[in-house]
Amino acid sequence: YWLRFNEAGSTTISGTPINELTISLNEGWNLVSGLSEDISIYSVSDPDSIIIPGTLYGFNEGYLETDLFVPGKGYWLRANNSGNIILTSE
């Protein structure tokens, strides 16, 4: 998801905390989100090694490479094949 506002501000998005998430990726670029806590891309379970290293991008006035999923943010992630990855908070 991406949200665009006409001016700066803040809003509250509430719900049930998510501590584990299985994400189905397609080959190529995928729009994904994280958990209810920060999680490093290096702690993601990728059993089939489908994540292409260095391809997690966030957005802040432009795309920027990152290695951290932050709650409430969306990210582009590239996979070399279809499959599942698992995000788990520690």
PDB file of N, CA and C in Angstrom:
ATOM      1  N   TYR A   1       0.830  -1.175   0.000  1.00  0.00           N
ATOM      2  CA  TYR A   1       0.000   0.000   0.000  1.00  0.00           C
ATOM      3  C   TYR A   1       0.873   1.236   0.000  1.00  0.00           C
ATOM      4  N   TRP A   2       0.378   2.272  -0.591  1.00  0.00           N
ATOM      5  CA  TRP A   2       1.028   3.575  -0.565  1.00  0.00           C
ATOM      6  C   TRP A   2      -0.069   4.589  -0.287  1.00  0.00           C
ATOM      7  N   LEU A   3       0.213   5.553   0.557  1.00  0.00           N
ATOM      8  CA  LEU A   3      -0.719   6.643   0.829  1.00  0.00           C
ATOM      9  C   LEU A   3      -0.051   7.948   0.444  1.00  0.00           C
ATOM     10  N   ARG A   4      -0.817   8.827  -0.165  1.00  0.00           N
ATOM     11  CA  ARG A   4      -0.285  10.135  -0.527  1.00  0.00           C
ATOM     12  C   ARG A   4      -1.242  11.187   0.017  1.00  0.00           C
ATOM     13  N   PHE A   5      -0.670  12.176   0.681  1.00  0.00           N
ATOM     14  CA  PHE A   5      -1.456  13.258   1.252  1.00  0.00           C
ATOM     15  C   PHE A   5      -1.056  14.566   0.595  1.00  0.00           C
ATOM     16  N   ASN A   6      -1.963  15.515   0.552  1.00  0.00           N
ATOM     17  CA  ASN A   6      -1.685  16.822  -0.044  1.00  0.00           C
ATOM     18  C   ASN A   6      -0.770  17.675   0.822  1.00  0.00           C
ATOM     19  N   GLU A   7      -0.725  17.388   2.120  1.00  0.00           N
ATOM     20  CA  GLU A   7       0.126  18.163   3.023  1.00  0.00           C
ATOM     21  C   GLU A   7       0.639  17.262   4.139  1.00  0.00           C
ATOM     22  N   ALA A   8       1.663  17.728   4.835  1.00  0.00           N
ATOM     23  CA  ALA A   8       2.252  16.960   5.931  1.00  0.00           C
ATOM     24  C   ALA A   8       1.245  16.812   7.062  1.00  0.00           C
ATOM     25  N   GLY A   9       1.351  15.732   7.790  1.00  0.00           N
ATOM     26  CA  GLY A   9       0.458  15.485   8.911  1.00  0.00           C
ATOM     27  C   GLY A   9       0.681  14.087   9.434  1.00  0.00           C
ATOM     28  N   SER A  10      -0.204  13.647  10.281  1.00  0.00           N
ATOM     29  CA  SER A  10      -0.106  12.291  10.809  1.00  0.00           C
ATOM     30  C   SER A  10      -1.504  11.727  11.001  1.00  0.00           C
ATOM     31  N   THR A  11      -1.563  10.427  11.050  1.00  0.00           N
ATOM     32  CA  THR A  11      -2.818   9.728  11.290  1.00  0.00           C
ATOM     33  C   THR A  11      -2.508   8.461  12.065  1.00  0.00           C
ATOM     34  N   THR A  12      -3.476   7.962  12.778  1.00  0.00           N
ATOM     35  CA  THR A  12      -3.303   6.738  13.549  1.00  0.00           C
ATOM     36  C   THR A  12      -3.939   5.578  12.799  1.00  0.00           C
ATOM     37  N   ILE A  13      -3.177   4.523  12.631  1.00  0.00           N
ATOM     38  CA  ILE A  13      -3.682   3.293  12.040  1.00  0.00           C
ATOM     39  C   ILE A  13      -3.573   2.236  13.126  1.00  0.00           C
ATOM     40  N   SER A  14      -4.703   1.663  13.519  1.00  0.00           N
ATOM     41  CA  SER A  14      -4.676   0.707  14.626  1.00  0.00           C
ATOM     42  C   SER A  14      -5.109  -0.675  14.159  1.00  0.00           C
ATOM     43  N   GLY A  15      -4.780  -1.660  14.963  1.00  0.00           N
ATOM     44  CA  GLY A  15      -5.141  -3.034  14.645  1.00  0.00           C
ATOM     45  C   GLY A  15      -4.452  -3.989  15.593  1.00  0.00           C
ATOM     46  N   THR A  16      -4.493  -5.253  15.277  1.00  0.00           N
ATOM     47  CA  THR A  16      -3.872  -6.294  16.082  1.00  0.00           C
ATOM     48  C   THR A  16      -2.397  -6.418  15.705  1.00  0.00           C
ATOM     49  N   PRO A  17      -1.492  -6.468  16.703  1.00  0.00           N
ATOM     50  CA  PRO A  17      -0.070  -6.626  16.389  1.00  0.00           C
ATOM     51  C   PRO A  17       0.193  -7.904  15.593  1.00  0.00           C
ATOM     52  N   ILE A  18       1.101  -7.816  14.638  1.00  0.00           N
ATOM     53  CA  ILE A  18       1.486  -8.962  13.812  1.00  0.00           C
ATOM     54  C   ILE A  18       2.932  -9.310  14.146  1.00  0.00           C
ATOM     55  N   ASN A  19       3.144 -10.531  14.672  1.00  0.00           N
ATOM     56  CA  ASN A  19       4.480 -10.968  15.068  1.00  0.00           C
ATOM     57  C   ASN A  19       5.100 -11.958  14.096  1.00  0.00           C
ATOM     58  N   GLU A  20       4.284 -12.522  13.201  1.00  0.00           N
ATOM     59  CA  GLU A  20       4.799 -13.432  12.184  1.00  0.00           C
ATOM     60  C   GLU A  20       3.953 -13.276  10.932  1.00  0.00           C
ATOM     61  N   LEU A  21       4.622 -13.306   9.788  1.00  0.00           N
ATOM     62  CA  LEU A  21       3.926 -13.094   8.530  1.00  0.00           C
ATOM     63  C   LEU A  21       4.615 -13.889   7.427  1.00  0.00           C
ATOM     64  N   THR A  22       3.846 -14.713   6.730  1.00  0.00           N
ATOM     65  CA  THR A  22       4.342 -15.402   5.540  1.00  0.00           C
ATOM     66  C   THR A  22       3.907 -14.596   4.328  1.00  0.00           C
ATOM     67  N   ILE A  23       4.862 -14.213   3.499  1.00  0.00           N
ATOM     68  CA  ILE A  23       4.579 -13.397   2.318  1.00  0.00           C
ATOM     69  C   ILE A  23       4.895 -14.208   1.067  1.00  0.00           C
ATOM     70  N   SER A  24       3.910 -14.310   0.182  1.00  0.00           N
ATOM     71  CA  SER A  24       4.115 -14.969  -1.112  1.00  0.00           C
ATOM     72  C   SER A  24       4.669 -13.950  -2.096  1.00  0.00           C
ATOM     73  N   LEU A  25       5.842 -14.238  -2.633  1.00  0.00           N
ATOM     74  CA  LEU A  25       6.470 -13.347  -3.602  1.00  0.00           C
ATOM     75  C   LEU A  25       6.360 -13.931  -5.002  1.00  0.00           C
ATOM     76  N   ASN A  26       6.212 -13.056  -5.969  1.00  0.00           N
ATOM     77  CA  ASN A  26       6.283 -13.437  -7.377  1.00  0.00           C
ATOM     78  C   ASN A  26       7.680 -13.119  -7.889  1.00  0.00           C
ATOM     79  N   GLU A  27       8.094 -13.763  -8.959  1.00  0.00           N
ATOM     80  CA  GLU A  27       9.368 -13.408  -9.574  1.00  0.00           C
ATOM     81  C   GLU A  27       9.293 -11.958 -10.025  1.00  0.00           C
ATOM     82  N   GLY A  28      10.329 -11.177  -9.733  1.00  0.00           N
ATOM     83  CA  GLY A  28      10.350  -9.756 -10.069  1.00  0.00           C
ATOM     84  C   GLY A  28      10.115  -8.904  -8.836  1.00  0.00           C
ATOM     85  N   TRP A  29       9.570  -7.719  -9.051  1.00  0.00           N
ATOM     86  CA  TRP A  29       9.361  -6.758  -7.967  1.00  0.00           C
ATOM     87  C   TRP A  29       8.036  -7.009  -7.259  1.00  0.00           C
ATOM     88  N   ASN A  30       8.061  -6.900  -5.915  1.00  0.00           N
ATOM     89  CA  ASN A  30       6.894  -7.130  -5.072  1.00  0.00           C
ATOM     90  C   ASN A  30       6.748  -5.981  -4.088  1.00  0.00           C
ATOM     91  N   LEU A  31       5.529  -5.523  -3.875  1.00  0.00           N
ATOM     92  CA  LEU A  31       5.238  -4.500  -2.876  1.00  0.00           C
ATOM     93  C   LEU A  31       4.867  -5.209  -1.585  1.00  0.00           C
ATOM     94  N   VAL A  32       5.662  -4.986  -0.523  1.00  0.00           N
ATOM     95  CA  VAL A  32       5.481  -5.715   0.733  1.00  0.00           C
ATOM     96  C   VAL A  32       5.516  -4.757   1.913  1.00  0.00           C
ATOM     97  N   SER A  33       5.128  -5.266   3.069  1.00  0.00           N
ATOM     98  CA  SER A  33       5.197  -4.523   4.316  1.00  0.00           C
ATOM     99  C   SER A  33       5.812  -5.433   5.369  1.00  0.00           C
ATOM    100  N   GLY A  34       6.026  -4.902   6.555  1.00  0.00           N
ATOM    101  CA  GLY A  34       6.656  -5.679   7.612  1.00  0.00           C
ATOM    102  C   GLY A  34       5.704  -6.050   8.727  1.00  0.00           C
ATOM    103  N   LEU A  35       6.246  -6.184   9.919  1.00  0.00           N
ATOM    104  CA  LEU A  35       5.501  -6.599  11.100  1.00  0.00           C
ATOM    105  C   LEU A  35       5.162  -5.395  11.968  1.00  0.00           C
ATOM    106  N   SER A  36       4.764  -5.669  13.196  1.00  0.00           N
ATOM    107  CA  SER A  36       4.440  -4.606  14.147  1.00  0.00           C
ATOM    108  C   SER A  36       5.677  -4.072  14.850  1.00  0.00           C
ATOM    109  N   GLU A  37       6.830  -4.669  14.592  1.00  0.00           N
ATOM    110  CA  GLU A  37       8.114  -4.217  15.133  1.00  0.00           C
ATOM    111  C   GLU A  37       9.114  -4.125  13.986  1.00  0.00           C
ATOM    112  N   ASP A  38      10.169  -3.334  14.178  1.00  0.00           N
ATOM    113  CA  ASP A  38      11.238  -3.283  13.184  1.00  0.00           C
ATOM    114  C   ASP A  38      11.814  -4.685  12.994  1.00  0.00           C
ATOM    115  N   ILE A  39      12.159  -5.016  11.759  1.00  0.00           N
ATOM    116  CA  ILE A  39      12.800  -6.305  11.479  1.00  0.00           C
ATOM    117  C   ILE A  39      13.815  -6.121  10.351  1.00  0.00           C
ATOM    118  N   SER A  40      14.986  -6.691  10.543  1.00  0.00           N
ATOM    119  CA  SER A  40      16.050  -6.619   9.545  1.00  0.00           C
ATOM    120  C   SER A  40      15.772  -7.591   8.406  1.00  0.00           C
ATOM    121  N   ILE A  41      16.120  -7.191   7.192  1.00  0.00           N
ATOM    122  CA  ILE A  41      16.004  -8.087   6.037  1.00  0.00           C
ATOM    123  C   ILE A  41      16.867  -9.332   6.248  1.00  0.00           C
ATOM    124  N   TYR A  42      17.928  -9.212   7.048  1.00  0.00           N
ATOM    125  CA  TYR A  42      18.844 -10.325   7.283  1.00  0.00           C
ATOM    126  C   TYR A  42      18.267 -11.378   8.229  1.00  0.00           C
ATOM    127  N   SER A  43      17.169 -11.051   8.926  1.00  0.00           N
ATOM    128  CA  SER A  43      16.537 -12.033   9.808  1.00  0.00           C
ATOM    129  C   SER A  43      15.304 -12.670   9.168  1.00  0.00           C
ATOM    130  N   VAL A  44      15.030 -12.337   7.909  1.00  0.00           N
ATOM    131  CA  VAL A  44      13.899 -12.922   7.193  1.00  0.00           C
ATOM    132  C   VAL A  44      14.241 -14.358   6.797  1.00  0.00           C
ATOM    133  N   SER A  45      13.313 -15.276   7.045  1.00  0.00           N
ATOM    134  CA  SER A  45      13.498 -16.663   6.617  1.00  0.00           C
ATOM    135  C   SER A  45      13.182 -16.754   5.126  1.00  0.00           C
ATOM    136  N   ASP A  46      14.177 -17.147   4.361  1.00  0.00           N
ATOM    137  CA  ASP A  46      14.073 -17.243   2.899  1.00  0.00           C
ATOM    138  C   ASP A  46      14.566 -18.635   2.489  1.00  0.00           C
ATOM    139  N   PRO A  47      13.744 -19.682   2.741  1.00  0.00           N
ATOM    140  CA  PRO A  47      14.215 -21.058   2.558  1.00  0.00           C
ATOM    141  C   PRO A  47      14.665 -21.412   1.144  1.00  0.00           C
ATOM    142  N   ASP A  48      14.122 -20.752   0.138  1.00  0.00           N
ATOM    143  CA  ASP A  48      14.503 -21.057  -1.248  1.00  0.00           C
ATOM    144  C   ASP A  48      15.463 -20.028  -1.842  1.00  0.00           C
ATOM    145  N   SER A  49      15.971 -19.115  -0.995  1.00  0.00           N
ATOM    146  CA  SER A  49      16.930 -18.080  -1.422  1.00  0.00           C
ATOM    147  C   SER A  49      16.425 -17.302  -2.635  1.00  0.00           C
ATOM    148  N   ILE A  50      15.176 -16.816  -2.554  1.00  0.00           N
ATOM    149  CA  ILE A  50      14.589 -16.092  -3.686  1.00  0.00           C
ATOM    150  C   ILE A  50      14.785 -14.584  -3.609  1.00  0.00           C
ATOM    151  N   ILE A  51      15.125 -14.060  -2.424  1.00  0.00           N
ATOM    152  CA  ILE A  51      15.354 -12.618  -2.299  1.00  0.00           C
ATOM    153  C   ILE A  51      16.671 -12.264  -2.982  1.00  0.00           C
ATOM    154  N   ILE A  52      16.638 -11.281  -3.855  1.00  0.00           N
ATOM    155  CA  ILE A  52      17.859 -10.793  -4.492  1.00  0.00           C
ATOM    156  C   ILE A  52      18.489  -9.775  -3.545  1.00  0.00           C
ATOM    157  N   PRO A  53      19.716 -10.037  -3.053  1.00  0.00           N
ATOM    158  CA  PRO A  53      20.354  -9.133  -2.092  1.00  0.00           C
ATOM    159  C   PRO A  53      20.425  -7.694  -2.611  1.00  0.00           C
ATOM    160  N   GLY A  54      20.216  -6.743  -1.696  1.00  0.00           N
ATOM    161  CA  GLY A  54      20.324  -5.327  -2.035  1.00  0.00           C
ATOM    162  C   GLY A  54      19.135  -4.770  -2.786  1.00  0.00           C
ATOM    163  N   THR A  55      17.976  -5.458  -2.727  1.00  0.00           N
ATOM    164  CA  THR A  55      16.821  -4.984  -3.498  1.00  0.00           C
ATOM    165  C   THR A  55      15.613  -4.648  -2.627  1.00  0.00           C
ATOM    166  N   LEU A  56      15.833  -4.283  -1.360  1.00  0.00           N
ATOM    167  CA  LEU A  56      14.740  -3.798  -0.515  1.00  0.00           C
ATOM    168  C   LEU A  56      14.778  -2.274  -0.552  1.00  0.00           C
ATOM    169  N   TYR A  57      13.711  -1.669  -1.082  1.00  0.00           N
ATOM    170  CA  TYR A  57      13.657  -0.216  -1.245  1.00  0.00           C
ATOM    171  C   TYR A  57      12.434   0.369  -0.555  1.00  0.00           C
ATOM    172  N   GLY A  58      12.675   1.416   0.234  1.00  0.00           N
ATOM    173  CA  GLY A  58      11.602   2.204   0.821  1.00  0.00           C
ATOM    174  C   GLY A  58      11.446   3.493   0.029  1.00  0.00           C
ATOM    175  N   PHE A  59      10.587   4.363   0.524  1.00  0.00           N
ATOM    176  CA  PHE A  59      10.337   5.626  -0.172  1.00  0.00           C
ATOM    177  C   PHE A  59      10.289   6.765   0.833  1.00  0.00           C
ATOM    178  N   ASN A  60      11.051   7.824   0.552  1.00  0.00           N
ATOM    179  CA  ASN A  60      11.024   9.050   1.347  1.00  0.00           C
ATOM    180  C   ASN A  60      11.496  10.165   0.430  1.00  0.00           C
ATOM    181  N   GLU A  61      10.571  10.783  -0.286  1.00  0.00           N
ATOM    182  CA  GLU A  61      10.872  11.791  -1.308  1.00  0.00           C
ATOM    183  C   GLU A  61      11.709  11.193  -2.436  1.00  0.00           C
ATOM    184  N   GLY A  62      11.684   9.906  -2.579  1.00  0.00           N
ATOM    185  CA  GLY A  62      12.433   9.156  -3.578  1.00  0.00           C
ATOM    186  C   GLY A  62      12.720   7.769  -3.027  1.00  0.00           C
ATOM    187  N   TYR A  63      13.087   6.847  -3.889  1.00  0.00           N
ATOM    188  CA  TYR A  63      13.380   5.483  -3.454  1.00  0.00           C
ATOM    189  C   TYR A  63      14.758   5.424  -2.821  1.00  0.00           C
ATOM    190  N   LEU A  64      14.884   4.625  -1.737  1.00  0.00           N
ATOM    191  CA  LEU A  64      16.178   4.451  -1.108  1.00  0.00           C
ATOM    192  C   LEU A  64      16.332   3.021  -0.623  1.00  0.00           C
ATOM    193  N   GLU A  65      17.518   2.484  -0.859  1.00  0.00           N
ATOM    194  CA  GLU A  65      17.802   1.122  -0.423  1.00  0.00           C
ATOM    195  C   GLU A  65      17.843   1.080   1.095  1.00  0.00           C
ATOM    196  N   THR A  66      17.306   0.025   1.673  1.00  0.00           N
ATOM    197  CA  THR A  66      17.298  -0.134   3.118  1.00  0.00           C
ATOM    198  C   THR A  66      17.495  -1.600   3.460  1.00  0.00           C
ATOM    199  N   ASP A  67      17.738  -1.888   4.722  1.00  0.00           N
ATOM    200  CA  ASP A  67      17.816  -3.274   5.168  1.00  0.00           C
ATOM    201  C   ASP A  67      16.891  -3.512   6.355  1.00  0.00           C
ATOM    202  N   LEU A  68      15.951  -2.563   6.578  1.00  0.00           N
ATOM    203  CA  LEU A  68      15.077  -2.628   7.743  1.00  0.00           C
ATOM    204  C   LEU A  68      13.624  -2.401   7.352  1.00  0.00           C
ATOM    205  N   PHE A  69      12.754  -3.341   7.741  1.00  0.00           N
ATOM    206  CA  PHE A  69      11.314  -3.150   7.619  1.00  0.00           C
ATOM    207  C   PHE A  69      10.847  -2.381   8.849  1.00  0.00           C
ATOM    208  N   VAL A  70      10.158  -1.265   8.661  1.00  0.00           N
ATOM    209  CA  VAL A  70       9.636  -0.445   9.751  1.00  0.00           C
ATOM    210  C   VAL A  70       8.114  -0.542   9.717  1.00  0.00           C
ATOM    211  N   PRO A  71       7.466  -0.721  10.880  1.00  0.00           N
ATOM    212  CA  PRO A  71       6.009  -0.841  10.900  1.00  0.00           C
ATOM    213  C   PRO A  71       5.317   0.335  10.204  1.00  0.00           C
ATOM    214  N   GLY A  72       4.295   0.017   9.428  1.00  0.00           N
ATOM    215  CA  GLY A  72       3.507   1.045   8.760  1.00  0.00           C
ATOM    216  C   GLY A  72       4.080   1.544   7.449  1.00  0.00           C
ATOM    217  N   LYS A  73       5.222   1.028   7.047  1.00  0.00           N
ATOM    218  CA  LYS A  73       5.856   1.452   5.797  1.00  0.00           C
ATOM    219  C   LYS A  73       5.704   0.366   4.738  1.00  0.00           C
ATOM    220  N   GLY A  74       5.740   0.757   3.478  1.00  0.00           N
ATOM    221  CA  GLY A  74       5.698  -0.177   2.364  1.00  0.00           C
ATOM    222  C   GLY A  74       7.054  -0.228   1.680  1.00  0.00           C
ATOM    223  N   TYR A  75       7.383  -1.361   1.079  1.00  0.00           N
ATOM    224  CA  TYR A  75       8.697  -1.563   0.472  1.00  0.00           C
ATOM    225  C   TYR A  75       8.575  -2.331  -0.831  1.00  0.00           C
ATOM    226  N   TRP A  76       9.495  -2.055  -1.737  1.00  0.00           N
ATOM    227  CA  TRP A  76       9.663  -2.869  -2.937  1.00  0.00           C
ATOM    228  C   TRP A  76      10.763  -3.876  -2.646  1.00  0.00           C
ATOM    229  N   LEU A  77      10.525  -5.141  -3.000  1.00  0.00           N
ATOM    230  CA  LEU A  77      11.491  -6.213  -2.789  1.00  0.00           C
ATOM    231  C   LEU A  77      11.505  -7.081  -4.046  1.00  0.00           C
ATOM    232  N   ARG A  78      12.704  -7.406  -4.527  1.00  0.00           N
ATOM    233  CA  ARG A  78      12.821  -8.182  -5.767  1.00  0.00           C
ATOM    234  C   ARG A  78      13.180  -9.637  -5.471  1.00  0.00           C
ATOM    235  N   ALA A  79      12.491 -10.543  -6.168  1.00  0.00           N
ATOM    236  CA  ALA A  79      12.732 -11.977  -6.014  1.00  0.00           C
ATOM    237  C   ALA A  79      13.158 -12.577  -7.350  1.00  0.00           C
ATOM    238  N   ASN A  80      14.055 -13.570  -7.289  1.00  0.00           N
ATOM    239  CA  ASN A  80      14.521 -14.218  -8.517  1.00  0.00           C
ATOM    240  C   ASN A  80      13.627 -15.381  -8.939  1.00  0.00           C
ATOM    241  N   ASN A  81      12.611 -15.667  -8.125  1.00  0.00           N
ATOM    242  CA  ASN A  81      11.681 -16.756  -8.406  1.00  0.00           C
ATOM    243  C   ASN A  81      10.462 -16.566  -7.516  1.00  0.00           C
ATOM    244  N   SER A  82       9.389 -17.261  -7.785  1.00  0.00           N
ATOM    245  CA  SER A  82       8.211 -17.223  -6.920  1.00  0.00           C
ATOM    246  C   SER A  82       8.442 -18.114  -5.708  1.00  0.00           C
ATOM    247  N   GLY A  83       7.852 -17.740  -4.577  1.00  0.00           N
ATOM    248  CA  GLY A  83       7.974 -18.539  -3.361  1.00  0.00           C
ATOM    249  C   GLY A  83       7.559 -17.738  -2.150  1.00  0.00           C
ATOM    250  N   ASN A  84       7.771 -18.309  -0.975  1.00  0.00           N
ATOM    251  CA  ASN A  84       7.382 -17.671   0.280  1.00  0.00           C
ATOM    252  C   ASN A  84       8.596 -17.278   1.101  1.00  0.00           C
ATOM    253  N   ILE A  85       8.450 -16.162   1.806  1.00  0.00           N
ATOM    254  CA  ILE A  85       9.415 -15.756   2.826  1.00  0.00           C
ATOM    255  C   ILE A  85       8.632 -15.597   4.124  1.00  0.00           C
ATOM    256  N   ILE A  86       9.324 -15.687   5.264  1.00  0.00           N
ATOM    257  CA  ILE A  86       8.657 -15.586   6.556  1.00  0.00           C
ATOM    258  C   ILE A  86       9.357 -14.532   7.395  1.00  0.00           C
ATOM    259  N   LEU A  87       8.572 -13.560   7.871  1.00  0.00           N
ATOM    260  CA  LEU A  87       9.064 -12.532   8.773  1.00  0.00           C
ATOM    261  C   LEU A  87       8.585 -12.889  10.174  1.00  0.00           C
ATOM    262  N   THR A  88       9.496 -12.887  11.148  1.00  0.00           N
ATOM    263  CA  THR A  88       9.162 -13.203  12.530  1.00  0.00           C
ATOM    264  C   THR A  88       9.871 -12.219  13.439  1.00  0.00           C
ATOM    265  N   SER A  89       9.121 -11.648  14.398  1.00  0.00           N
ATOM    266  CA  SER A  89       9.770 -10.763  15.368  1.00  0.00           C
ATOM    267  C   SER A  89      10.376 -11.623  16.468  1.00  0.00           C
ATOM    268  N   GLU A  90      11.475 -11.151  17.017  1.00  0.00           N
ATOM    269  CA  GLU A  90      12.200 -11.938  18.024  1.00  0.00           C
ATOM    270  C   GLU A  90      11.689 -11.678  19.410  1.00  0.00           C
TER     271      GLU A  90
END
